[in-house]
Amino acid sequence: MTIIQAPISSIQLTILRMIYLNPGISKKKIQKKINSGNIFEERIRRLQNTNIIYKKKSSFFLKNK
């Protein structure tokens, strides 16, 4: 159940972080920033920043197996 719930929690935490960093942000602005493309890019960026994956040309690889 935790694995199934993880993506939902991630989106909720992202929304909470946006509201915390931008008090009074409108629903429209949140919806504009939260879409499948943005979520994918953010997750990829996090994996790269934490040295879990790396990008070579246009492909991604795990750093440690």
N, C-alpha and C. Protein backbone atom coordinates (compact mmCIF):
# COMPACT_ATOMS: atom_id res chain seq x y z
N MET A 1 0.82 -1.20 0.00
CA MET A 1 0.00 0.00 0.00
C MET A 1 0.86 1.26 0.00
N THR A 2 1.97 1.22 0.68
CA THR A 2 2.85 2.38 0.74
C THR A 2 3.36 2.75 -0.65
N ILE A 3 3.72 1.76 -1.44
CA ILE A 3 4.22 2.03 -2.79
C ILE A 3 3.15 2.69 -3.64
N ILE A 4 1.93 2.23 -3.52
CA ILE A 4 0.83 2.81 -4.30
C ILE A 4 0.57 4.25 -3.84
N GLN A 5 0.66 4.52 -2.57
CA GLN A 5 0.37 5.84 -2.01
C GLN A 5 1.50 6.84 -2.24
N ALA A 6 2.72 6.38 -2.48
CA ALA A 6 3.89 7.27 -2.58
C ALA A 6 3.73 8.39 -3.61
N PRO A 7 3.30 8.10 -4.85
CA PRO A 7 3.17 9.20 -5.81
C PRO A 7 2.16 10.26 -5.38
N ILE A 8 1.08 9.83 -4.76
CA ILE A 8 0.07 10.77 -4.29
C ILE A 8 0.65 11.65 -3.20
N SER A 9 1.36 11.05 -2.26
CA SER A 9 1.98 11.81 -1.18
C SER A 9 3.00 12.80 -1.72
N SER A 10 3.75 12.39 -2.74
CA SER A 10 4.74 13.26 -3.34
C SER A 10 4.09 14.52 -3.92
N ILE A 11 2.99 14.34 -4.60
CA ILE A 11 2.27 15.48 -5.19
C ILE A 11 1.73 16.37 -4.08
N GLN A 12 1.18 15.76 -3.04
CA GLN A 12 0.64 16.55 -1.93
C GLN A 12 1.74 17.35 -1.26
N LEU A 13 2.90 16.74 -1.05
CA LEU A 13 4.01 17.46 -0.43
C LEU A 13 4.51 18.59 -1.32
N THR A 14 4.51 18.37 -2.62
CA THR A 14 4.91 19.42 -3.56
C THR A 14 3.96 20.60 -3.47
N ILE A 15 2.67 20.32 -3.40
CA ILE A 15 1.68 21.39 -3.28
C ILE A 15 1.86 22.15 -1.96
N LEU A 16 2.05 21.41 -0.88
CA LEU A 16 2.26 22.06 0.42
C LEU A 16 3.51 22.93 0.41
N ARG A 17 4.58 22.44 -0.21
CA ARG A 17 5.81 23.22 -0.30
C ARG A 17 5.59 24.50 -1.11
N MET A 18 4.83 24.39 -2.20
CA MET A 18 4.54 25.57 -3.03
C MET A 18 3.76 26.61 -2.24
N ILE A 19 2.77 26.16 -1.47
CA ILE A 19 1.96 27.08 -0.68
C ILE A 19 2.80 27.73 0.42
N TYR A 20 3.67 26.93 1.04
CA TYR A 20 4.54 27.46 2.10
C TYR A 20 5.49 28.52 1.55
N LEU A 21 6.08 28.24 0.37
CA LEU A 21 7.04 29.18 -0.21
C LEU A 21 6.38 30.36 -0.91
N ASN A 22 5.11 30.23 -1.25
CA ASN A 22 4.37 31.29 -1.96
C ASN A 22 3.02 31.50 -1.30
N PRO A 23 2.99 32.11 -0.11
CA PRO A 23 1.70 32.31 0.58
C PRO A 23 0.71 33.07 -0.32
N GLY A 24 -0.51 32.58 -0.35
CA GLY A 24 -1.54 33.24 -1.16
C GLY A 24 -1.53 32.82 -2.62
N ILE A 25 -0.75 31.82 -2.98
CA ILE A 25 -0.71 31.36 -4.37
C ILE A 25 -2.10 30.87 -4.78
N SER A 26 -2.48 31.16 -6.02
CA SER A 26 -3.82 30.78 -6.47
C SER A 26 -3.85 29.32 -6.95
N LYS A 27 -5.04 28.77 -6.95
CA LYS A 27 -5.24 27.39 -7.41
C LYS A 27 -4.79 27.27 -8.87
N LYS A 28 -5.06 28.30 -9.66
CA LYS A 28 -4.70 28.28 -11.07
C LYS A 28 -3.19 28.18 -11.25
N LYS A 29 -2.43 28.92 -10.44
CA LYS A 29 -0.98 28.88 -10.53
C LYS A 29 -0.43 27.53 -10.09
N ILE A 30 -1.05 26.96 -9.08
CA ILE A 30 -0.63 25.63 -8.63
C ILE A 30 -0.88 24.61 -9.73
N GLN A 31 -2.06 24.65 -10.34
CA GLN A 31 -2.40 23.71 -11.40
C GLN A 31 -1.47 23.89 -12.60
N LYS A 32 -1.06 25.11 -12.86
CA LYS A 32 -0.17 25.39 -13.98
C LYS A 32 1.21 24.76 -13.74
N LYS A 33 1.67 24.81 -12.49
CA LYS A 33 2.99 24.25 -12.16
C LYS A 33 2.96 22.75 -11.97
N ILE A 34 1.82 22.23 -11.53
CA ILE A 34 1.70 20.79 -11.27
C ILE A 34 1.02 20.13 -12.46
N ASN A 35 1.80 19.57 -13.34
CA ASN A 35 1.27 18.74 -14.41
C ASN A 35 2.22 17.58 -14.60
N SER A 36 1.84 16.60 -15.36
CA SER A 36 2.65 15.39 -15.46
C SER A 36 4.06 15.67 -15.97
N GLY A 37 4.22 16.60 -16.89
CA GLY A 37 5.54 16.96 -17.40
C GLY A 37 6.42 17.56 -16.33
N ASN A 38 5.86 18.49 -15.56
CA ASN A 38 6.62 19.13 -14.49
C ASN A 38 6.98 18.14 -13.40
N ILE A 39 6.06 17.27 -13.06
CA ILE A 39 6.31 16.28 -12.01
C ILE A 39 7.42 15.33 -12.44
N PHE A 40 7.38 14.90 -13.68
CA PHE A 40 8.43 14.02 -14.21
C PHE A 40 9.78 14.71 -14.15
N GLU A 41 9.86 15.94 -14.63
CA GLU A 41 11.12 16.68 -14.64
C GLU A 41 11.66 16.88 -13.23
N GLU A 42 10.78 17.19 -12.29
CA GLU A 42 11.20 17.39 -10.91
C GLU A 42 11.76 16.10 -10.31
N ARG A 43 11.12 14.99 -10.58
CA ARG A 43 11.59 13.71 -10.04
C ARG A 43 12.94 13.32 -10.64
N ILE A 44 13.10 13.53 -11.93
CA ILE A 44 14.38 13.24 -12.59
C ILE A 44 15.48 14.12 -11.99
N ARG A 45 15.19 15.39 -11.81
CA ARG A 45 16.16 16.34 -11.24
C ARG A 45 16.57 15.90 -9.82
N ARG A 46 15.60 15.46 -9.02
CA ARG A 46 15.90 15.00 -7.66
C ARG A 46 16.80 13.78 -7.68
N LEU A 47 16.51 12.84 -8.58
CA LEU A 47 17.34 11.63 -8.67
C LEU A 47 18.77 11.98 -9.10
N GLN A 48 18.91 12.95 -10.00
CA GLN A 48 20.24 13.37 -10.42
C GLN A 48 20.95 14.12 -9.29
N ASN A 49 20.25 15.00 -8.60
CA ASN A 49 20.86 15.78 -7.53
C ASN A 49 21.30 14.93 -6.35
N THR A 50 20.64 13.81 -6.14
CA THR A 50 21.01 12.93 -5.03
C THR A 50 21.95 11.81 -5.49
N ASN A 51 22.47 11.95 -6.70
CA ASN A 51 23.45 11.01 -7.26
C ASN A 51 22.94 9.57 -7.33
N ILE A 52 21.67 9.41 -7.59
CA ILE A 52 21.11 8.07 -7.78
C ILE A 52 21.19 7.68 -9.25
N ILE A 53 20.97 8.67 -10.13
CA ILE A 53 21.07 8.42 -11.56
C ILE A 53 21.97 9.48 -12.19
N TYR A 54 22.41 9.21 -13.40
CA TYR A 54 23.13 10.22 -14.18
C TYR A 54 22.69 10.12 -15.63
N LYS A 55 22.91 11.20 -16.35
CA LYS A 55 22.50 11.27 -17.74
C LYS A 55 23.74 11.31 -18.62
N LYS A 56 23.73 10.48 -19.64
CA LYS A 56 24.80 10.46 -20.63
C LYS A 56 24.14 10.55 -21.99
N LYS A 57 24.43 11.65 -22.67
CA LYS A 57 23.72 12.00 -23.91
C LYS A 57 22.24 12.11 -23.61
N SER A 58 21.40 11.26 -24.15
CA SER A 58 19.97 11.37 -23.88
C SER A 58 19.43 10.18 -23.08
N SER A 59 20.33 9.44 -22.42
CA SER A 59 19.92 8.26 -21.65
C SER A 59 20.28 8.42 -20.18
N PHE A 60 19.50 7.75 -19.32
CA PHE A 60 19.74 7.77 -17.89
C PHE A 60 20.28 6.42 -17.44
N PHE A 61 21.15 6.47 -16.43
CA PHE A 61 21.76 5.27 -15.88
C PHE A 61 21.78 5.36 -14.37
N LEU A 62 21.72 4.19 -13.71
CA LEU A 62 21.88 4.14 -12.26
C LEU A 62 23.36 4.31 -11.94
N LYS A 63 23.65 5.06 -10.88
CA LYS A 63 25.05 5.22 -10.47
C LYS A 63 25.57 3.99 -9.76
N ASN A 64 24.76 3.41 -8.89
CA ASN A 64 25.16 2.21 -8.16
C ASN A 64 24.11 1.13 -8.35
N LYS A 65 24.57 -0.04 -8.62
CA LYS A 65 23.62 -1.15 -8.80
C LYS A 65 23.54 -1.87 -7.54
